[in-house]
Amino acid sequence: MVAYFKQKKKDRQIILVTHNANIVVNADAEEVIVANQHGEDSKNQNDIKFQYITGSLESTKPIDANIDIVLQSQGIREHVCEILEGGTEAFKKRENKYAIGDAKCSPLSQKPEKPPPPPRDN
């Protein structure tokens, strides 16, 4: 299926909706839209039910545990890596193809913890 998309996108624009991050990475998507449904552990700005962020797979920003809004807490690459089967290996293929730099995925399990709040003066 990935080979089909790569071939067809040479002739026309393809818009694809998928939950499969492997297709996003291996089909060489130029633009990625990440969606988040508001929940207790995945907050959106102003408690909006669905929120979206868009960018390329080259758009990277290290995870910032101090930011509660899920979509603002990290880059597109990091969002994709959270659900990507094959993680870093899939990004290494893209890195080698485009020489985009050090393509690393930060697994969710390595997400830094928030620092404790400062002590209160009573």
C-alpha atoms as a PDB file:
ATOM      1  CA  MET A   1       0.000   0.000   0.000  1.00  0.00           C
ATOM      2  CA  VAL A   2       2.863   2.396   0.834  1.00  0.00           C
ATOM      3  CA  ALA A   3       4.450   1.818  -2.582  1.00  0.00           C
ATOM      4  CA  TYR A   4       1.113   2.632  -4.222  1.00  0.00           C
ATOM      5  CA  PHE A   5       0.814   5.959  -2.362  1.00  0.00           C
ATOM      6  CA  LYS A   6       4.415   6.916  -3.140  1.00  0.00           C
ATOM      7  CA  GLN A   7       3.849   6.258  -6.846  1.00  0.00           C
ATOM      8  CA  LYS A   8       0.459   7.979  -7.093  1.00  0.00           C
ATOM      9  CA  LYS A   9       1.520  11.119  -5.212  1.00  0.00           C
ATOM     10  CA  LYS A  10       3.892  11.891  -8.081  1.00  0.00           C
ATOM     11  CA  ASP A  11       0.841  12.467 -10.297  1.00  0.00           C
ATOM     12  CA  ARG A  12      -1.732  13.928  -7.890  1.00  0.00           C
ATOM     13  CA  GLN A  13      -2.362  15.170  -4.410  1.00  0.00           C
ATOM     14  CA  ILE A  14      -3.442  12.459  -1.990  1.00  0.00           C
ATOM     15  CA  ILE A  15      -5.325  13.150   1.219  1.00  0.00           C
ATOM     16  CA  LEU A  16      -5.329  10.161   3.528  1.00  0.00           C
ATOM     17  CA  VAL A  17      -6.805   9.748   6.986  1.00  0.00           C
ATOM     18  CA  THR A  18      -5.200   6.988   9.038  1.00  0.00           C
ATOM     19  CA  HIS A  19      -4.380   5.949  12.567  1.00  0.00           C
ATOM     20  CA  ASN A  20      -1.376   4.034  11.230  1.00  0.00           C
ATOM     21  CA  ALA A  21       1.751   6.111  11.800  1.00  0.00           C
ATOM     22  CA  ASN A  22       3.775   3.667   9.690  1.00  0.00           C
ATOM     23  CA  ILE A  23       1.847   4.735   6.595  1.00  0.00           C
ATOM     24  CA  VAL A  24       2.404   8.393   7.481  1.00  0.00           C
ATOM     25  CA  VAL A  25       6.167   7.930   7.781  1.00  0.00           C
ATOM     26  CA  ASN A  26       6.878   5.307   5.133  1.00  0.00           C
ATOM     27  CA  ALA A  27       4.654   6.893   2.470  1.00  0.00           C
ATOM     28  CA  ASP A  28       6.690  10.080   2.948  1.00  0.00           C
ATOM     29  CA  ALA A  29       3.834  12.394   3.986  1.00  0.00           C
ATOM     30  CA  GLU A  30       4.571  16.064   3.354  1.00  0.00           C
ATOM     31  CA  GLU A  31       2.009  17.305   5.897  1.00  0.00           C
ATOM     32  CA  VAL A  32       0.685  15.609   9.021  1.00  0.00           C
ATOM     33  CA  ILE A  33      -2.350  16.602  11.062  1.00  0.00           C
ATOM     34  CA  VAL A  34      -2.339  15.299  14.633  1.00  0.00           C
ATOM     35  CA  ALA A  35      -5.714  15.216  16.396  1.00  0.00           C
ATOM     36  CA  ASN A  36      -6.330  15.004  20.129  1.00  0.00           C
ATOM     37  CA  GLN A  37      -9.584  14.303  21.926  1.00  0.00           C
ATOM     38  CA  HIS A  38      -9.762  16.146  25.248  1.00  0.00           C
ATOM     39  CA  GLY A  39      -9.540  13.877  28.263  1.00  0.00           C
ATOM     40  CA  GLU A  40      -8.188  13.713  31.777  1.00  0.00           C
ATOM     41  CA  ASP A  41      -4.707  12.674  30.608  1.00  0.00           C
ATOM     42  CA  SER A  42      -4.808  14.442  27.236  1.00  0.00           C
ATOM     43  CA  LYS A  43      -5.913  18.006  27.789  1.00  0.00           C
ATOM     44  CA  ASN A  44      -6.772  20.489  25.038  1.00  0.00           C
ATOM     45  CA  GLN A  45      -6.667  24.249  25.229  1.00  0.00           C
ATOM     46  CA  ASN A  46      -9.873  25.688  26.764  1.00  0.00           C
ATOM     47  CA  ASP A  47     -11.199  22.128  27.210  1.00  0.00           C
ATOM     48  CA  ILE A  48     -12.100  21.974  23.493  1.00  0.00           C
ATOM     49  CA  LYS A  49     -13.342  18.453  22.666  1.00  0.00           C
ATOM     50  CA  PHE A  50     -11.093  18.013  19.602  1.00  0.00           C
ATOM     51  CA  GLN A  51      -7.966  19.993  18.802  1.00  0.00           C
ATOM     52  CA  TYR A  52      -5.538  19.715  15.886  1.00  0.00           C
ATOM     53  CA  ILE A  53      -1.954  20.638  15.067  1.00  0.00           C
ATOM     54  CA  THR A  54      -0.267  20.377  11.683  1.00  0.00           C
ATOM     55  CA  GLY A  55       3.270  20.277  10.347  1.00  0.00           C
ATOM     56  CA  SER A  56       5.855  18.120   8.646  1.00  0.00           C
ATOM     57  CA  LEU A  57       7.600  15.084  10.081  1.00  0.00           C
ATOM     58  CA  GLU A  58      10.732  17.213  10.211  1.00  0.00           C
ATOM     59  CA  SER A  59       8.974  19.486  12.731  1.00  0.00           C
ATOM     60  CA  THR A  60      10.522  18.447  16.016  1.00  0.00           C
ATOM     61  CA  LYS A  61      10.343  19.816  19.536  1.00  0.00           C
ATOM     62  CA  PRO A  62      11.487  17.899  22.619  1.00  0.00           C
ATOM     63  CA  ILE A  63       8.771  16.840  25.031  1.00  0.00           C
ATOM     64  CA  ASP A  64       8.119  19.553  27.624  1.00  0.00           C
ATOM     65  CA  ALA A  65       6.478  18.004  30.701  1.00  0.00           C
ATOM     66  CA  ASN A  66       5.686  21.489  32.007  1.00  0.00           C
ATOM     67  CA  ILE A  67       3.120  22.033  29.235  1.00  0.00           C
ATOM     68  CA  ASP A  68      -0.270  20.478  30.039  1.00  0.00           C
ATOM     69  CA  ILE A  69      -1.794  21.007  26.576  1.00  0.00           C
ATOM     70  CA  VAL A  70      -0.941  17.763  24.760  1.00  0.00           C
ATOM     71  CA  LEU A  71      -0.560  19.146  21.242  1.00  0.00           C
ATOM     72  CA  GLN A  72       1.686  21.998  22.407  1.00  0.00           C
ATOM     73  CA  SER A  73       3.917  19.790  24.559  1.00  0.00           C
ATOM     74  CA  GLN A  74       6.015  18.365  21.703  1.00  0.00           C
ATOM     75  CA  GLY A  75       6.682  18.439  17.967  1.00  0.00           C
ATOM     76  CA  ILE A  76       4.934  16.598  15.140  1.00  0.00           C
ATOM     77  CA  ARG A  77       7.714  14.011  14.967  1.00  0.00           C
ATOM     78  CA  GLU A  78       7.371  13.270  18.673  1.00  0.00           C
ATOM     79  CA  HIS A  79       3.584  12.911  18.400  1.00  0.00           C
ATOM     80  CA  VAL A  80       3.998  10.442  15.534  1.00  0.00           C
ATOM     81  CA  CYS A  81       6.696   8.541  17.432  1.00  0.00           C
ATOM     82  CA  GLU A  82       4.337   7.949  20.359  1.00  0.00           C
ATOM     83  CA  ILE A  83       2.192   5.688  18.178  1.00  0.00           C
ATOM     84  CA  LEU A  84       4.727   4.579  15.546  1.00  0.00           C
ATOM     85  CA  GLU A  85       5.461   0.884  15.202  1.00  0.00           C
ATOM     86  CA  GLY A  86       9.131   0.658  14.407  1.00  0.00           C
ATOM     87  CA  GLY A  87       9.803   4.011  16.105  1.00  0.00           C
ATOM     88  CA  THR A  88      13.318   5.229  15.467  1.00  0.00           C
ATOM     89  CA  GLU A  89      13.980   2.742  12.642  1.00  0.00           C
ATOM     90  CA  ALA A  90      11.138   4.184  10.561  1.00  0.00           C
ATOM     91  CA  PHE A  91      12.468   7.685  11.115  1.00  0.00           C
ATOM     92  CA  LYS A  92      16.043   6.585  10.326  1.00  0.00           C
ATOM     93  CA  LYS A  93      14.868   5.625   6.813  1.00  0.00           C
ATOM     94  CA  ARG A  94      13.540   9.152   6.327  1.00  0.00           C
ATOM     95  CA  GLU A  95      16.625  10.702   7.913  1.00  0.00           C
ATOM     96  CA  ASN A  96      18.912   8.848   5.523  1.00  0.00           C
ATOM     97  CA  LYS A  97      16.779   9.771   2.511  1.00  0.00           C
ATOM     98  CA  TYR A  98      16.646  13.515   3.246  1.00  0.00           C
ATOM     99  CA  ALA A  99      19.642  14.036   5.564  1.00  0.00           C
ATOM    100  CA  ILE A 100      17.385  15.855   8.022  1.00  0.00           C
ATOM    101  CA  GLY A 101      19.569  15.361  11.074  1.00  0.00           C
ATOM    102  CA  ASP A 102      19.355  13.092  14.059  1.00  0.00           C
ATOM    103  CA  ALA A 103      15.949  11.440  13.775  1.00  0.00           C
ATOM    104  CA  LYS A 104      15.135  10.066  17.185  1.00  0.00           C
ATOM    105  CA  CYS A 105      11.853   9.141  18.759  1.00  0.00           C
ATOM    106  CA  SER A 106      11.341   9.776  22.429  1.00  0.00           C
ATOM    107  CA  PRO A 107       9.148   6.967  23.735  1.00  0.00           C
ATOM    108  CA  LEU A 108       6.295   8.087  25.929  1.00  0.00           C
ATOM    109  CA  SER A 109       7.807   6.047  28.746  1.00  0.00           C
ATOM    110  CA  GLN A 110      10.791   8.408  28.712  1.00  0.00           C
ATOM    111  CA  LYS A 111       8.624  11.490  29.062  1.00  0.00           C
ATOM    112  CA  PRO A 112      10.223  13.586  31.800  1.00  0.00           C
ATOM    113  CA  GLU A 113       8.246  14.084  34.957  1.00  0.00           C
ATOM    114  CA  LYS A 114       7.031  17.508  35.967  1.00  0.00           C
ATOM    115  CA  PRO A 115       9.196  19.138  38.623  1.00  0.00           C
ATOM    116  CA  PRO A 116       7.560  19.412  42.051  1.00  0.00           C
ATOM    117  CA  PRO A 117       5.885  22.737  42.835  1.00  0.00           C
ATOM    118  CA  PRO A 118       7.961  25.213  44.849  1.00  0.00           C
ATOM    119  CA  PRO A 119       7.381  25.142  48.620  1.00  0.00           C
ATOM    120  CA  ARG A 120       4.737  27.523  49.923  1.00  0.00           C
ATOM    121  CA  ASP A 121       5.496  30.161  52.500  1.00  0.00           C
ATOM    122  CA  ASN A 122       2.933  29.989  55.299  1.00  0.00           C
END
